[in-house]
Amino acid sequence: TSGTAARPSSAEVVALHRERRARFTDLLLRVTDADLPRVRTAVLSPDWGEESFPVLESLTVVVRGHADHLRFAQRDLATIEQRSAPA
């Protein structure tokens, strides 16, 4: 199943997150200072076409995106906890 019809279990989400985090950690362990300014090109989606970015910019996007998702998740969990706390 894909798209909005997907309903993964929390265990599936955690497993996928761990796998992707491990891949990213492995990448960070292999990247060198000389790699950071190098431009890489990829086709992320046929609709978007080809895009090129320096390695450092791509890594920055991933790290900032993860930090933003974590911040929003913590905010949302705090809101849920406040709503479910006994009065």
C-alpha atoms as a PDB file:
ATOM      1  CA  THR A   1       0.000   0.000   0.000  1.00  0.00           C
ATOM      2  CA  SER A   2       1.258   3.476  -0.721  1.00  0.00           C
ATOM      3  CA  GLY A   3       0.259   7.092  -0.319  1.00  0.00           C
ATOM      4  CA  THR A   4      -2.429   8.160   2.088  1.00  0.00           C
ATOM      5  CA  ALA A   5      -3.980   4.673   2.171  1.00  0.00           C
ATOM      6  CA  ALA A   6      -0.953   3.296   4.049  1.00  0.00           C
ATOM      7  CA  ARG A   7      -1.564   2.551   7.722  1.00  0.00           C
ATOM      8  CA  PRO A   8       1.725   1.194   9.091  1.00  0.00           C
ATOM      9  CA  SER A   9       1.936  -0.005  12.656  1.00  0.00           C
ATOM     10  CA  SER A  10       4.095   1.935  15.091  1.00  0.00           C
ATOM     11  CA  ALA A  11       6.563  -0.985  15.045  1.00  0.00           C
ATOM     12  CA  GLU A  12       6.845  -0.688  11.250  1.00  0.00           C
ATOM     13  CA  VAL A  13       7.427   3.063  11.480  1.00  0.00           C
ATOM     14  CA  VAL A  14      10.088   2.639  14.168  1.00  0.00           C
ATOM     15  CA  ALA A  15      11.831  -0.097  12.160  1.00  0.00           C
ATOM     16  CA  LEU A  16      11.856   2.032   9.009  1.00  0.00           C
ATOM     17  CA  HIS A  17      13.149   5.043  10.934  1.00  0.00           C
ATOM     18  CA  ARG A  18      15.959   2.959  12.467  1.00  0.00           C
ATOM     19  CA  GLU A  19      16.933   1.571   9.056  1.00  0.00           C
ATOM     20  CA  ARG A  20      17.004   5.027   7.439  1.00  0.00           C
ATOM     21  CA  ARG A  21      18.886   6.509  10.393  1.00  0.00           C
ATOM     22  CA  ALA A  22      21.479   3.729  10.155  1.00  0.00           C
ATOM     23  CA  ARG A  23      21.913   4.407   6.414  1.00  0.00           C
ATOM     24  CA  PHE A  24      22.363   8.132   7.083  1.00  0.00           C
ATOM     25  CA  THR A  25      24.828   7.480   9.921  1.00  0.00           C
ATOM     26  CA  ASP A  26      26.806   5.167   7.620  1.00  0.00           C
ATOM     27  CA  LEU A  27      26.882   7.901   4.980  1.00  0.00           C
ATOM     28  CA  LEU A  28      28.104  10.478   7.506  1.00  0.00           C
ATOM     29  CA  LEU A  29      30.898   8.147   8.578  1.00  0.00           C
ATOM     30  CA  ARG A  30      32.078   7.822   4.973  1.00  0.00           C
ATOM     31  CA  VAL A  31      31.753  11.442   3.758  1.00  0.00           C
ATOM     32  CA  THR A  32      34.941  13.520   3.802  1.00  0.00           C
ATOM     33  CA  ASP A  33      35.576  17.260   3.860  1.00  0.00           C
ATOM     34  CA  ALA A  34      36.527  17.011   0.190  1.00  0.00           C
ATOM     35  CA  ASP A  35      33.089  15.510  -0.591  1.00  0.00           C
ATOM     36  CA  LEU A  36      31.103  18.407   0.910  1.00  0.00           C
ATOM     37  CA  PRO A  37      31.417  20.948  -1.926  1.00  0.00           C
ATOM     38  CA  ARG A  38      30.981  18.320  -4.661  1.00  0.00           C
ATOM     39  CA  VAL A  39      27.773  18.621  -6.636  1.00  0.00           C
ATOM     40  CA  ARG A  40      25.625  15.534  -7.013  1.00  0.00           C
ATOM     41  CA  THR A  41      22.775  15.128  -9.476  1.00  0.00           C
ATOM     42  CA  ALA A  42      19.690  12.958  -9.034  1.00  0.00           C
ATOM     43  CA  VAL A  43      16.220  12.456 -10.420  1.00  0.00           C
ATOM     44  CA  LEU A  44      14.123  12.474  -7.244  1.00  0.00           C
ATOM     45  CA  SER A  45      10.880  12.268  -9.187  1.00  0.00           C
ATOM     46  CA  PRO A  46      10.262  12.079 -12.925  1.00  0.00           C
ATOM     47  CA  ASP A  47       7.854  15.014 -12.561  1.00  0.00           C
ATOM     48  CA  TRP A  48      10.555  17.219 -10.998  1.00  0.00           C
ATOM     49  CA  GLY A  49      13.308  16.292 -13.392  1.00  0.00           C
ATOM     50  CA  GLU A  50      16.996  16.337 -12.619  1.00  0.00           C
ATOM     51  CA  GLU A  51      18.295  18.369  -9.669  1.00  0.00           C
ATOM     52  CA  SER A  52      21.879  19.107  -8.614  1.00  0.00           C
ATOM     53  CA  PHE A  53      23.110  20.207  -5.197  1.00  0.00           C
ATOM     54  CA  PRO A  54      26.366  20.225  -3.234  1.00  0.00           C
ATOM     55  CA  VAL A  55      26.688  17.349  -0.768  1.00  0.00           C
ATOM     56  CA  LEU A  56      26.810  19.738   2.213  1.00  0.00           C
ATOM     57  CA  GLU A  57      23.536  21.394   1.177  1.00  0.00           C
ATOM     58  CA  SER A  58      21.839  18.013   0.817  1.00  0.00           C
ATOM     59  CA  LEU A  59      23.070  16.841   4.223  1.00  0.00           C
ATOM     60  CA  THR A  60      21.920  20.124   5.774  1.00  0.00           C
ATOM     61  CA  VAL A  61      18.411  19.664   4.361  1.00  0.00           C
ATOM     62  CA  VAL A  62      18.171  16.159   5.825  1.00  0.00           C
ATOM     63  CA  VAL A  63      19.417  17.199   9.277  1.00  0.00           C
ATOM     64  CA  ARG A  64      17.176  20.287   9.440  1.00  0.00           C
ATOM     65  CA  GLY A  65      14.189  18.271   8.252  1.00  0.00           C
ATOM     66  CA  HIS A  66      14.772  15.676  10.946  1.00  0.00           C
ATOM     67  CA  ALA A  67      15.152  18.382  13.603  1.00  0.00           C
ATOM     68  CA  ASP A  68      11.912  20.043  12.459  1.00  0.00           C
ATOM     69  CA  HIS A  69       9.998  16.754  12.536  1.00  0.00           C
ATOM     70  CA  LEU A  70      11.335  16.028  16.026  1.00  0.00           C
ATOM     71  CA  ARG A  71      10.335  19.501  17.240  1.00  0.00           C
ATOM     72  CA  PHE A  72       6.807  19.146  15.817  1.00  0.00           C
ATOM     73  CA  ALA A  73       6.428  15.641  17.268  1.00  0.00           C
ATOM     74  CA  GLN A  74       7.491  16.851  20.725  1.00  0.00           C
ATOM     75  CA  ARG A  75       5.093  19.796  20.464  1.00  0.00           C
ATOM     76  CA  ASP A  76       2.235  17.540  19.423  1.00  0.00           C
ATOM     77  CA  LEU A  77       2.969  14.982  22.142  1.00  0.00           C
ATOM     78  CA  ALA A  78       3.026  17.742  24.758  1.00  0.00           C
ATOM     79  CA  THR A  79      -0.364  18.957  23.504  1.00  0.00           C
ATOM     80  CA  ILE A  80      -1.802  15.428  23.654  1.00  0.00           C
ATOM     81  CA  GLU A  81      -0.454  14.940  27.177  1.00  0.00           C
ATOM     82  CA  GLN A  82      -1.976  18.240  28.318  1.00  0.00           C
ATOM     83  CA  ARG A  83      -5.368  17.307  26.865  1.00  0.00           C
ATOM     84  CA  SER A  84      -5.356  13.871  28.453  1.00  0.00           C
ATOM     85  CA  ALA A  85      -4.087  14.975  31.892  1.00  0.00           C
ATOM     86  CA  PRO A  86      -6.623  14.765  34.708  1.00  0.00           C
ATOM     87  CA  ALA A  87      -8.026  18.144  35.688  1.00  0.00           C
END
